[in-house]
Amino acid sequence: DSTMLTLKVKRARYDLDQALLTSDYLADIPDLDRLFFVAGRHLKGAMTVNGELKKGPGLVLTAHADTLGGRLDVTVHDADVHADLKQIQSLETLKMLFYPEVRTSSLDGTLDYNLKAKKGVFDATLTDGKFTRNVMLDLLLSLARTDLYKERFTGTLHSQIKQELIS
C-alpha cells in the first residue's frame, strides 16, 4: 500500500534456475492525478488494473481494466506495447483529461508503440458520435436555426506517432 496505489498479489514465484519472476497482480489507483510524474499531465478519476508479470531476461506484462465506459487490454513485451481499446467512451476520456466535454462517441481501436524508438501507430473507429449541450451550439441554434445536436458521426483514425508528434 502507498499513497499512489494499493497492489495485491495472490501468487508470485521466482525460479532461481531460470532467473524468472512470475506474478499476478491487482493494482487499485484511487486518484490518477497521483501519476502526474509518469503521465506528465493531470488526470481525473480512479482505475483498477489487473494482469500478470513475467520478468526474466525480458519483460512481459499484461494489464486489463474496465475503464472509461469500456475495456482496455495492454501487453508490454520488453519495449513493445500493444493495446486493444473496446467501447471506450470519449466523454469519459475527456473528463479524465480535463478537456471540455463537447462531444460523445464510442471508440474501438488498437495501439502499437515502441517505448525505445518512441514510435507507433494508433488505429481506431469512432461510432455514434454526437455533440453534447454547449453554449456555442446553443447560440448557433438560436441565431442560425441550425441544430447540430441532431447530427451523428462515425469515423476512423489512423495516427502515426513519432516522439511527441501525432499525425
N, C-alpha and C. Protein backbone atom coordinates (compact mmCIF):
# COMPACT_ATOMS: atom_id res chain seq x y z
N ASP A 1 0.84 -1.18 0.00
CA ASP A 1 0.00 0.00 0.00
C ASP A 1 0.88 1.25 0.00
N SER A 2 0.45 2.24 -0.76
CA SER A 2 1.13 3.53 -0.76
C SER A 2 0.08 4.60 -0.99
N THR A 3 0.49 5.84 -0.97
CA THR A 3 -0.45 6.93 -1.25
C THR A 3 -0.82 6.95 -2.72
N MET A 4 -0.06 6.27 -3.57
CA MET A 4 -0.32 6.25 -5.00
C MET A 4 -1.24 5.10 -5.40
N LEU A 5 -1.02 3.91 -4.84
CA LEU A 5 -1.82 2.75 -5.23
C LEU A 5 -1.75 1.66 -4.18
N THR A 6 -2.71 0.75 -4.30
CA THR A 6 -2.70 -0.46 -3.49
C THR A 6 -2.44 -1.61 -4.45
N LEU A 7 -1.43 -2.40 -4.16
CA LEU A 7 -1.03 -3.52 -5.02
C LEU A 7 -1.26 -4.82 -4.26
N LYS A 8 -2.00 -5.74 -4.90
CA LYS A 8 -2.25 -7.05 -4.31
C LYS A 8 -1.72 -8.12 -5.23
N VAL A 9 -1.06 -9.11 -4.64
CA VAL A 9 -0.51 -10.24 -5.37
C VAL A 9 -0.99 -11.51 -4.70
N LYS A 10 -1.63 -12.39 -5.48
CA LYS A 10 -2.08 -13.67 -4.92
C LYS A 10 -0.95 -14.69 -4.93
N ARG A 11 -0.19 -14.68 -6.04
CA ARG A 11 0.86 -15.68 -6.16
C ARG A 11 2.03 -15.12 -6.96
N ALA A 12 3.20 -15.15 -6.36
CA ALA A 12 4.42 -14.73 -7.04
C ALA A 12 5.44 -15.86 -6.89
N ARG A 13 6.11 -16.17 -7.98
CA ARG A 13 7.11 -17.24 -7.96
C ARG A 13 8.41 -16.74 -8.58
N TYR A 14 9.51 -17.15 -8.01
CA TYR A 14 10.81 -16.83 -8.58
C TYR A 14 11.55 -18.14 -8.82
N ASP A 15 11.90 -18.41 -10.07
CA ASP A 15 12.63 -19.61 -10.46
C ASP A 15 14.12 -19.27 -10.47
N LEU A 16 14.87 -19.80 -9.52
CA LEU A 16 16.30 -19.49 -9.41
C LEU A 16 17.09 -20.01 -10.61
N ASP A 17 16.72 -21.18 -11.14
CA ASP A 17 17.44 -21.76 -12.27
C ASP A 17 17.33 -20.89 -13.52
N GLN A 18 16.15 -20.33 -13.76
CA GLN A 18 15.94 -19.52 -14.96
C GLN A 18 15.97 -18.02 -14.68
N ALA A 19 16.16 -17.64 -13.41
CA ALA A 19 16.12 -16.23 -13.00
C ALA A 19 14.86 -15.57 -13.55
N LEU A 20 13.70 -16.22 -13.28
CA LEU A 20 12.43 -15.78 -13.83
C LEU A 20 11.43 -15.53 -12.70
N LEU A 21 10.89 -14.31 -12.68
CA LEU A 21 9.84 -13.94 -11.74
C LEU A 21 8.52 -13.96 -12.49
N THR A 22 7.53 -14.65 -11.94
CA THR A 22 6.17 -14.64 -12.50
C THR A 22 5.22 -14.27 -11.37
N SER A 23 4.24 -13.43 -11.71
CA SER A 23 3.30 -12.98 -10.70
C SER A 23 2.03 -12.48 -11.33
N ASP A 24 0.94 -12.61 -10.58
CA ASP A 24 -0.29 -11.92 -10.93
C ASP A 24 -0.29 -10.62 -10.13
N TYR A 25 -1.20 -9.72 -10.44
CA TYR A 25 -1.32 -8.50 -9.64
C TYR A 25 -2.69 -7.87 -9.83
N LEU A 26 -3.06 -7.08 -8.86
CA LEU A 26 -4.25 -6.25 -8.90
C LEU A 26 -3.83 -4.90 -8.32
N ALA A 27 -3.89 -3.86 -9.15
CA ALA A 27 -3.48 -2.53 -8.71
C ALA A 27 -4.72 -1.63 -8.68
N ASP A 28 -4.96 -1.04 -7.53
CA ASP A 28 -6.07 -0.10 -7.36
C ASP A 28 -5.48 1.29 -7.21
N ILE A 29 -5.79 2.17 -8.16
CA ILE A 29 -5.27 3.54 -8.16
C ILE A 29 -6.46 4.45 -7.86
N PRO A 30 -6.58 4.93 -6.62
CA PRO A 30 -7.75 5.72 -6.24
C PRO A 30 -7.77 7.14 -6.81
N ASP A 31 -6.60 7.67 -7.19
CA ASP A 31 -6.50 9.03 -7.71
C ASP A 31 -5.46 9.07 -8.82
N LEU A 32 -5.92 9.07 -10.07
CA LEU A 32 -5.00 9.05 -11.20
C LEU A 32 -4.08 10.27 -11.25
N ASP A 33 -4.47 11.36 -10.61
CA ASP A 33 -3.64 12.55 -10.61
C ASP A 33 -2.31 12.32 -9.89
N ARG A 34 -2.26 11.31 -9.04
CA ARG A 34 -1.01 10.99 -8.35
C ARG A 34 0.03 10.39 -9.30
N LEU A 35 -0.39 10.05 -10.53
CA LEU A 35 0.53 9.54 -11.55
C LEU A 35 1.07 10.65 -12.44
N PHE A 36 0.95 11.89 -12.00
CA PHE A 36 1.41 13.03 -12.80
C PHE A 36 2.88 12.88 -13.20
N PHE A 37 3.70 12.38 -12.29
CA PHE A 37 5.13 12.25 -12.58
C PHE A 37 5.41 11.24 -13.71
N VAL A 38 4.49 10.33 -13.95
CA VAL A 38 4.62 9.36 -15.04
C VAL A 38 3.95 9.88 -16.31
N ALA A 39 2.73 10.37 -16.16
CA ALA A 39 1.93 10.79 -17.31
C ALA A 39 2.33 12.17 -17.83
N GLY A 40 2.89 13.01 -16.97
CA GLY A 40 3.25 14.35 -17.39
C GLY A 40 2.06 15.27 -17.56
N ARG A 41 0.91 14.85 -17.06
CA ARG A 41 -0.30 15.67 -17.13
C ARG A 41 -1.23 15.27 -15.99
N HIS A 42 -2.11 16.17 -15.65
CA HIS A 42 -3.08 15.90 -14.59
C HIS A 42 -4.20 15.01 -15.15
N LEU A 43 -4.62 14.05 -14.36
CA LEU A 43 -5.70 13.14 -14.75
C LEU A 43 -6.72 13.07 -13.63
N LYS A 44 -7.97 12.85 -14.01
CA LYS A 44 -9.07 12.82 -13.06
C LYS A 44 -9.64 11.41 -12.99
N GLY A 45 -9.95 10.95 -11.80
CA GLY A 45 -10.61 9.66 -11.65
C GLY A 45 -9.77 8.62 -10.95
N ALA A 46 -10.27 7.40 -11.03
CA ALA A 46 -9.64 6.24 -10.39
C ALA A 46 -9.60 5.11 -11.41
N MET A 47 -8.78 4.09 -11.13
CA MET A 47 -8.71 2.95 -12.03
C MET A 47 -8.22 1.72 -11.27
N THR A 48 -8.77 0.58 -11.64
CA THR A 48 -8.30 -0.70 -11.12
C THR A 48 -7.79 -1.51 -12.31
N VAL A 49 -6.57 -2.02 -12.18
CA VAL A 49 -5.91 -2.76 -13.26
C VAL A 49 -5.46 -4.10 -12.71
N ASN A 50 -5.67 -5.17 -13.50
CA ASN A 50 -5.15 -6.47 -13.10
C ASN A 50 -4.40 -7.09 -14.27
N GLY A 51 -3.54 -8.05 -13.97
CA GLY A 51 -2.79 -8.70 -15.03
C GLY A 51 -1.73 -9.63 -14.48
N GLU A 52 -0.75 -9.91 -15.35
CA GLU A 52 0.35 -10.80 -14.98
C GLU A 52 1.66 -10.18 -15.40
N LEU A 53 2.72 -10.58 -14.68
CA LEU A 53 4.07 -10.09 -14.92
C LEU A 53 5.01 -11.27 -15.03
N LYS A 54 5.86 -11.24 -16.06
CA LYS A 54 6.95 -12.21 -16.19
C LYS A 54 8.21 -11.42 -16.45
N LYS A 55 9.18 -11.53 -15.52
CA LYS A 55 10.43 -10.80 -15.65
C LYS A 55 11.58 -11.78 -15.54
N GLY A 56 12.29 -11.93 -16.62
CA GLY A 56 13.48 -12.76 -16.68
C GLY A 56 14.49 -11.98 -17.49
N PRO A 57 15.03 -12.62 -18.52
CA PRO A 57 15.89 -11.84 -19.43
C PRO A 57 15.11 -10.74 -20.14
N GLY A 58 13.82 -10.95 -20.31
CA GLY A 58 12.95 -9.95 -20.91
C GLY A 58 11.77 -9.68 -19.99
N LEU A 59 10.92 -8.76 -20.40
CA LEU A 59 9.75 -8.41 -19.63
C LEU A 59 8.49 -8.67 -20.44
N VAL A 60 7.52 -9.32 -19.82
CA VAL A 60 6.19 -9.47 -20.41
C VAL A 60 5.19 -9.07 -19.31
N LEU A 61 4.38 -8.07 -19.62
CA LEU A 61 3.40 -7.57 -18.67
C LEU A 61 2.06 -7.45 -19.37
N THR A 62 1.02 -7.97 -18.72
CA THR A 62 -0.33 -7.77 -19.25
C THR A 62 -1.10 -6.91 -18.26
N ALA A 63 -2.01 -6.12 -18.79
CA ALA A 63 -2.85 -5.26 -17.95
C ALA A 63 -4.25 -5.22 -18.54
N HIS A 64 -5.23 -5.33 -17.69
CA HIS A 64 -6.63 -5.31 -18.11
C HIS A 64 -7.40 -4.38 -17.18
N ALA A 65 -8.26 -3.55 -17.76
CA ALA A 65 -9.06 -2.63 -16.94
C ALA A 65 -10.39 -2.36 -17.62
N ASP A 66 -11.43 -2.39 -16.82
CA ASP A 66 -12.73 -1.89 -17.26
C ASP A 66 -12.74 -0.43 -16.84
N THR A 67 -12.59 0.47 -17.82
CA THR A 67 -12.44 1.88 -17.52
C THR A 67 -13.01 2.73 -18.64
N LEU A 68 -13.31 3.97 -18.35
CA LEU A 68 -13.80 4.93 -19.32
C LEU A 68 -15.01 4.40 -20.09
N GLY A 69 -15.83 3.62 -19.40
CA GLY A 69 -17.03 3.08 -20.01
C GLY A 69 -16.79 1.90 -20.92
N GLY A 70 -15.55 1.42 -21.01
CA GLY A 70 -15.21 0.31 -21.91
C GLY A 70 -14.17 -0.59 -21.30
N ARG A 71 -13.37 -1.20 -22.17
CA ARG A 71 -12.36 -2.17 -21.74
C ARG A 71 -11.02 -1.84 -22.37
N LEU A 72 -9.96 -1.95 -21.58
CA LEU A 72 -8.59 -1.72 -22.04
C LEU A 72 -7.76 -2.96 -21.74
N ASP A 73 -7.13 -3.52 -22.77
CA ASP A 73 -6.25 -4.67 -22.62
C ASP A 73 -4.89 -4.31 -23.21
N VAL A 74 -3.84 -4.41 -22.39
CA VAL A 74 -2.50 -3.99 -22.78
C VAL A 74 -1.52 -5.14 -22.58
N THR A 75 -0.60 -5.29 -23.54
CA THR A 75 0.51 -6.22 -23.40
C THR A 75 1.81 -5.46 -23.66
N VAL A 76 2.74 -5.57 -22.73
CA VAL A 76 4.06 -4.98 -22.89
C VAL A 76 5.04 -6.13 -23.01
N HIS A 77 5.80 -6.15 -24.10
CA HIS A 77 6.84 -7.16 -24.31
C HIS A 77 8.13 -6.41 -24.53
N ASP A 78 8.96 -6.35 -23.50
CA ASP A 78 10.16 -5.52 -23.49
C ASP A 78 9.78 -4.08 -23.80
N ALA A 79 10.16 -3.53 -24.93
CA ALA A 79 9.86 -2.13 -25.25
C ALA A 79 8.62 -1.98 -26.12
N ASP A 80 8.02 -3.09 -26.53
CA ASP A 80 6.84 -3.03 -27.42
C ASP A 80 5.55 -3.07 -26.61
N VAL A 81 4.68 -2.11 -26.89
CA VAL A 81 3.39 -2.01 -26.22
C VAL A 81 2.29 -2.22 -27.25
N HIS A 82 1.35 -3.11 -26.92
CA HIS A 82 0.17 -3.31 -27.76
C HIS A 82 -1.05 -3.13 -26.86
N ALA A 83 -2.00 -2.29 -27.29
CA ALA A 83 -3.20 -2.05 -26.50
C ALA A 83 -4.43 -2.20 -27.38
N ASP A 84 -5.43 -2.89 -26.86
CA ASP A 84 -6.74 -3.00 -27.50
C ASP A 84 -7.73 -2.21 -26.66
N LEU A 85 -8.43 -1.30 -27.30
CA LEU A 85 -9.44 -0.48 -26.64
C LEU A 85 -10.79 -0.86 -27.20
N LYS A 86 -11.73 -1.17 -26.31
CA LYS A 86 -13.07 -1.60 -26.75
C LYS A 86 -14.13 -0.76 -26.05
N GLN A 87 -14.97 -0.12 -26.84
CA GLN A 87 -16.11 0.65 -26.35
C GLN A 87 -15.71 1.76 -25.36
N ILE A 88 -14.52 2.34 -25.54
CA ILE A 88 -14.09 3.46 -24.71
C ILE A 88 -14.97 4.66 -25.04
N GLN A 89 -15.52 5.30 -24.04
CA GLN A 89 -16.43 6.43 -24.23
C GLN A 89 -15.65 7.74 -24.22
N SER A 90 -15.77 8.50 -25.31
CA SER A 90 -15.00 9.73 -25.44
C SER A 90 -15.35 10.74 -24.35
N LEU A 91 -16.59 10.80 -23.93
CA LEU A 91 -16.98 11.75 -22.89
C LEU A 91 -16.25 11.45 -21.58
N GLU A 92 -16.15 10.17 -21.23
CA GLU A 92 -15.42 9.78 -20.02
C GLU A 92 -13.93 10.10 -20.16
N THR A 93 -13.38 9.92 -21.36
CA THR A 93 -11.97 10.22 -21.62
C THR A 93 -11.72 11.72 -21.51
N LEU A 94 -12.61 12.54 -22.07
CA LEU A 94 -12.47 13.99 -21.97
C LEU A 94 -12.51 14.44 -20.51
N LYS A 95 -13.38 13.84 -19.71
CA LYS A 95 -13.45 14.17 -18.29
C LYS A 95 -12.13 13.83 -17.60
N MET A 96 -11.58 12.64 -17.89
CA MET A 96 -10.34 12.22 -17.27
C MET A 96 -9.19 13.16 -17.61
N LEU A 97 -9.18 13.68 -18.84
CA LEU A 97 -8.10 14.55 -19.30
C LEU A 97 -8.34 16.03 -19.00
N PHE A 98 -9.44 16.35 -18.34
CA PHE A 98 -9.81 17.73 -18.03
C PHE A 98 -10.04 18.56 -19.30
N TYR A 99 -10.57 17.94 -20.35
CA TYR A 99 -10.89 18.65 -21.58
C TYR A 99 -12.37 19.02 -21.57
N PRO A 100 -12.76 20.03 -22.35
CA PRO A 100 -14.18 20.37 -22.45
C PRO A 100 -14.98 19.18 -22.99
N GLU A 101 -16.13 18.95 -22.40
CA GLU A 101 -16.97 17.81 -22.75
C GLU A 101 -17.95 18.22 -23.84
N VAL A 102 -17.45 18.32 -25.07
CA VAL A 102 -18.26 18.84 -26.17
C VAL A 102 -18.77 17.77 -27.11
N ARG A 103 -18.25 16.55 -26.99
CA ARG A 103 -18.62 15.52 -27.95
C ARG A 103 -18.61 14.17 -27.25
N THR A 104 -19.51 13.29 -27.67
CA THR A 104 -19.53 11.94 -27.13
C THR A 104 -19.52 10.95 -28.29
N SER A 105 -18.82 9.86 -28.11
CA SER A 105 -18.79 8.77 -29.08
C SER A 105 -18.17 7.54 -28.41
N SER A 106 -18.21 6.44 -29.11
CA SER A 106 -17.63 5.19 -28.64
C SER A 106 -16.42 4.88 -29.51
N LEU A 107 -15.32 4.44 -28.90
CA LEU A 107 -14.08 4.20 -29.63
C LEU A 107 -13.65 2.75 -29.48
N ASP A 108 -13.34 2.11 -30.61
CA ASP A 108 -12.70 0.80 -30.64
C ASP A 108 -11.40 0.98 -31.40
N GLY A 109 -10.29 0.52 -30.83
CA GLY A 109 -9.04 0.74 -31.54
C GLY A 109 -7.89 -0.10 -31.02
N THR A 110 -6.75 0.05 -31.69
CA THR A 110 -5.51 -0.62 -31.29
C THR A 110 -4.37 0.38 -31.32
N LEU A 111 -3.45 0.18 -30.41
CA LEU A 111 -2.23 0.97 -30.34
C LEU A 111 -1.05 0.02 -30.35
N ASP A 112 -0.10 0.29 -31.23
CA ASP A 112 1.18 -0.42 -31.22
C ASP A 112 2.26 0.64 -31.12
N TYR A 113 3.10 0.54 -30.06
CA TYR A 113 4.06 1.59 -29.76
C TYR A 113 5.34 0.97 -29.22
N ASN A 114 6.47 1.53 -29.63
CA ASN A 114 7.76 1.09 -29.13
C ASN A 114 8.32 2.16 -28.20
N LEU A 115 8.55 1.80 -26.94
CA LEU A 115 9.00 2.75 -25.94
C LEU A 115 10.40 3.28 -26.22
N LYS A 116 11.29 2.45 -26.74
CA LYS A 116 12.66 2.90 -27.03
C LYS A 116 12.70 3.83 -28.22
N ALA A 117 12.05 3.45 -29.30
CA ALA A 117 12.06 4.27 -30.52
C ALA A 117 11.10 5.45 -30.41
N LYS A 118 10.18 5.39 -29.45
CA LYS A 118 9.14 6.42 -29.27
C LYS A 118 8.34 6.62 -30.57
N LYS A 119 8.01 5.48 -31.19
CA LYS A 119 7.23 5.48 -32.42
C LYS A 119 6.11 4.46 -32.31
N GLY A 120 5.02 4.75 -33.02
CA GLY A 120 3.93 3.81 -33.00
C GLY A 120 2.82 4.18 -33.95
N VAL A 121 1.76 3.37 -33.89
CA VAL A 121 0.59 3.55 -34.74
C VAL A 121 -0.65 3.38 -33.87
N PHE A 122 -1.62 4.26 -34.08
CA PHE A 122 -2.90 4.16 -33.39
C PHE A 122 -4.00 4.14 -34.45
N ASP A 123 -4.79 3.07 -34.48
CA ASP A 123 -5.92 2.93 -35.40
C ASP A 123 -7.19 2.78 -34.56
N ALA A 124 -8.23 3.52 -34.94
CA ALA A 124 -9.46 3.46 -34.17
C ALA A 124 -10.67 3.77 -35.05
N THR A 125 -11.80 3.31 -34.58
CA THR A 125 -13.09 3.61 -35.20
C THR A 125 -13.95 4.29 -34.14
N LEU A 126 -14.54 5.41 -34.53
CA LEU A 126 -15.45 6.15 -33.66
C LEU A 126 -16.87 5.94 -34.16
N THR A 127 -17.78 5.57 -33.27
CA THR A 127 -19.17 5.35 -33.66
C THR A 127 -20.11 6.13 -32.76
N ASP A 128 -21.29 6.39 -33.28
CA ASP A 128 -22.36 7.06 -32.55
C ASP A 128 -21.89 8.38 -31.94
N GLY A 129 -21.13 9.15 -32.70
CA GLY A 129 -20.67 10.45 -32.23
C GLY A 129 -21.76 11.50 -32.31
N LYS A 130 -21.80 12.34 -31.30
CA LYS A 130 -22.75 13.46 -31.30
C LYS A 130 -22.22 14.54 -30.37
N PHE A 131 -22.70 15.76 -30.58
CA PHE A 131 -22.31 16.87 -29.73
C PHE A 131 -23.10 16.85 -28.44
N THR A 132 -22.47 17.28 -27.36
CA THR A 132 -23.16 17.47 -26.09
C THR A 132 -23.64 18.92 -26.02
N ARG A 133 -24.53 19.19 -25.09
CA ARG A 133 -25.03 20.55 -24.94
C ARG A 133 -23.88 21.48 -24.59
N ASN A 134 -23.78 22.60 -25.33
CA ASN A 134 -22.77 23.61 -25.01
C ASN A 134 -23.23 24.97 -25.49
N VAL A 135 -22.61 26.00 -24.97
CA VAL A 135 -23.02 27.37 -25.24
C VAL A 135 -22.90 27.72 -26.72
N MET A 136 -21.81 27.30 -27.35
CA MET A 136 -21.59 27.65 -28.76
C MET A 136 -22.68 27.08 -29.66
N LEU A 137 -23.02 25.81 -29.48
CA LEU A 137 -24.04 25.20 -30.34
C LEU A 137 -25.44 25.69 -29.98
N ASP A 138 -25.66 26.05 -28.71
CA ASP A 138 -26.94 26.66 -28.35
C ASP A 138 -27.09 28.02 -29.05
N LEU A 139 -26.02 28.79 -29.11
CA LEU A 139 -26.05 30.09 -29.80
C LEU A 139 -26.29 29.90 -31.29
N LEU A 140 -25.61 28.93 -31.89
CA LEU A 140 -25.81 28.64 -33.31
C LEU A 140 -27.26 28.22 -33.58
N LEU A 141 -27.82 27.45 -32.69
CA LEU A 141 -29.21 27.02 -32.83
C LEU A 141 -30.16 28.22 -32.75
N SER A 142 -29.93 29.11 -31.81
CA SER A 142 -30.85 30.24 -31.65
C SER A 142 -30.69 31.29 -32.75
N LEU A 143 -29.47 31.53 -33.22
CA LEU A 143 -29.25 32.57 -34.23
C LEU A 143 -29.42 32.07 -35.67
N ALA A 144 -28.88 30.92 -35.97
CA ALA A 144 -28.90 30.42 -37.35
C ALA A 144 -29.95 29.33 -37.56
N ARG A 145 -30.60 28.94 -36.49
CA ARG A 145 -31.60 27.88 -36.56
C ARG A 145 -31.02 26.60 -37.17
N THR A 146 -29.77 26.33 -36.82
CA THR A 146 -29.08 25.12 -37.26
C THR A 146 -28.85 24.25 -36.03
N ASP A 147 -29.47 23.07 -36.03
CA ASP A 147 -29.39 22.18 -34.87
C ASP A 147 -28.36 21.08 -35.12
N LEU A 148 -27.14 21.31 -34.64
CA LEU A 148 -26.08 20.31 -34.81
C LEU A 148 -26.21 19.18 -33.78
N TYR A 149 -27.08 19.34 -32.81
CA TYR A 149 -27.29 18.26 -31.83
C TYR A 149 -27.94 17.04 -32.48
N LYS A 150 -28.61 17.22 -33.61
CA LYS A 150 -29.25 16.11 -34.31
C LYS A 150 -28.24 15.27 -35.10
N GLU A 151 -27.10 15.87 -35.43
CA GLU A 151 -26.12 15.19 -36.28
C GLU A 151 -25.48 14.02 -35.55
N ARG A 152 -25.18 12.95 -36.30
CA ARG A 152 -24.47 11.79 -35.77
C ARG A 152 -23.23 11.56 -36.62
N PHE A 153 -22.16 11.13 -35.97
CA PHE A 153 -20.88 11.00 -36.66
C PHE A 153 -20.30 9.60 -36.47
N THR A 154 -19.64 9.12 -37.50
CA THR A 154 -18.80 7.94 -37.42
C THR A 154 -17.51 8.29 -38.14
N GLY A 155 -16.45 7.60 -37.81
CA GLY A 155 -15.20 7.89 -38.49
C GLY A 155 -14.10 6.94 -38.07
N THR A 156 -12.98 7.07 -38.76
CA THR A 156 -11.81 6.25 -38.44
C THR A 156 -10.63 7.18 -38.20
N LEU A 157 -9.73 6.70 -37.37
CA LEU A 157 -8.48 7.40 -37.10
C LEU A 157 -7.33 6.48 -37.47
N HIS A 158 -6.35 7.04 -38.13
CA HIS A 158 -5.09 6.33 -38.36
C HIS A 158 -3.99 7.33 -38.05
N SER A 159 -3.31 7.13 -36.95
CA SER A 159 -2.31 8.09 -36.49
C SER A 159 -0.94 7.46 -36.41
N GLN A 160 0.04 8.16 -36.94
CA GLN A 160 1.44 7.79 -36.79
C GLN A 160 1.99 8.59 -35.61
N ILE A 161 2.68 7.94 -34.70
CA ILE A 161 3.24 8.60 -33.52
C ILE A 161 4.76 8.57 -33.64
N LYS A 162 5.37 9.74 -33.57
CA LYS A 162 6.83 9.88 -33.58
C LYS A 162 7.19 10.90 -32.52
N GLN A 163 7.81 10.40 -31.44
CA GLN A 163 8.11 11.25 -30.28
C GLN A 163 6.82 11.88 -29.77
N GLU A 164 6.73 13.20 -29.71
CA GLU A 164 5.51 13.88 -29.27
C GLU A 164 4.61 14.26 -30.45
N LEU A 165 5.01 13.96 -31.67
CA LEU A 165 4.24 14.33 -32.86
C LEU A 165 3.28 13.21 -33.22
N ILE A 166 2.00 13.54 -33.30
CA ILE A 166 0.98 12.59 -33.73
C ILE A 166 0.38 13.13 -35.00
N SER A 167 0.48 12.33 -36.08
CA SER A 167 -0.07 12.80 -37.37
C SER A 167 -0.99 11.75 -37.98
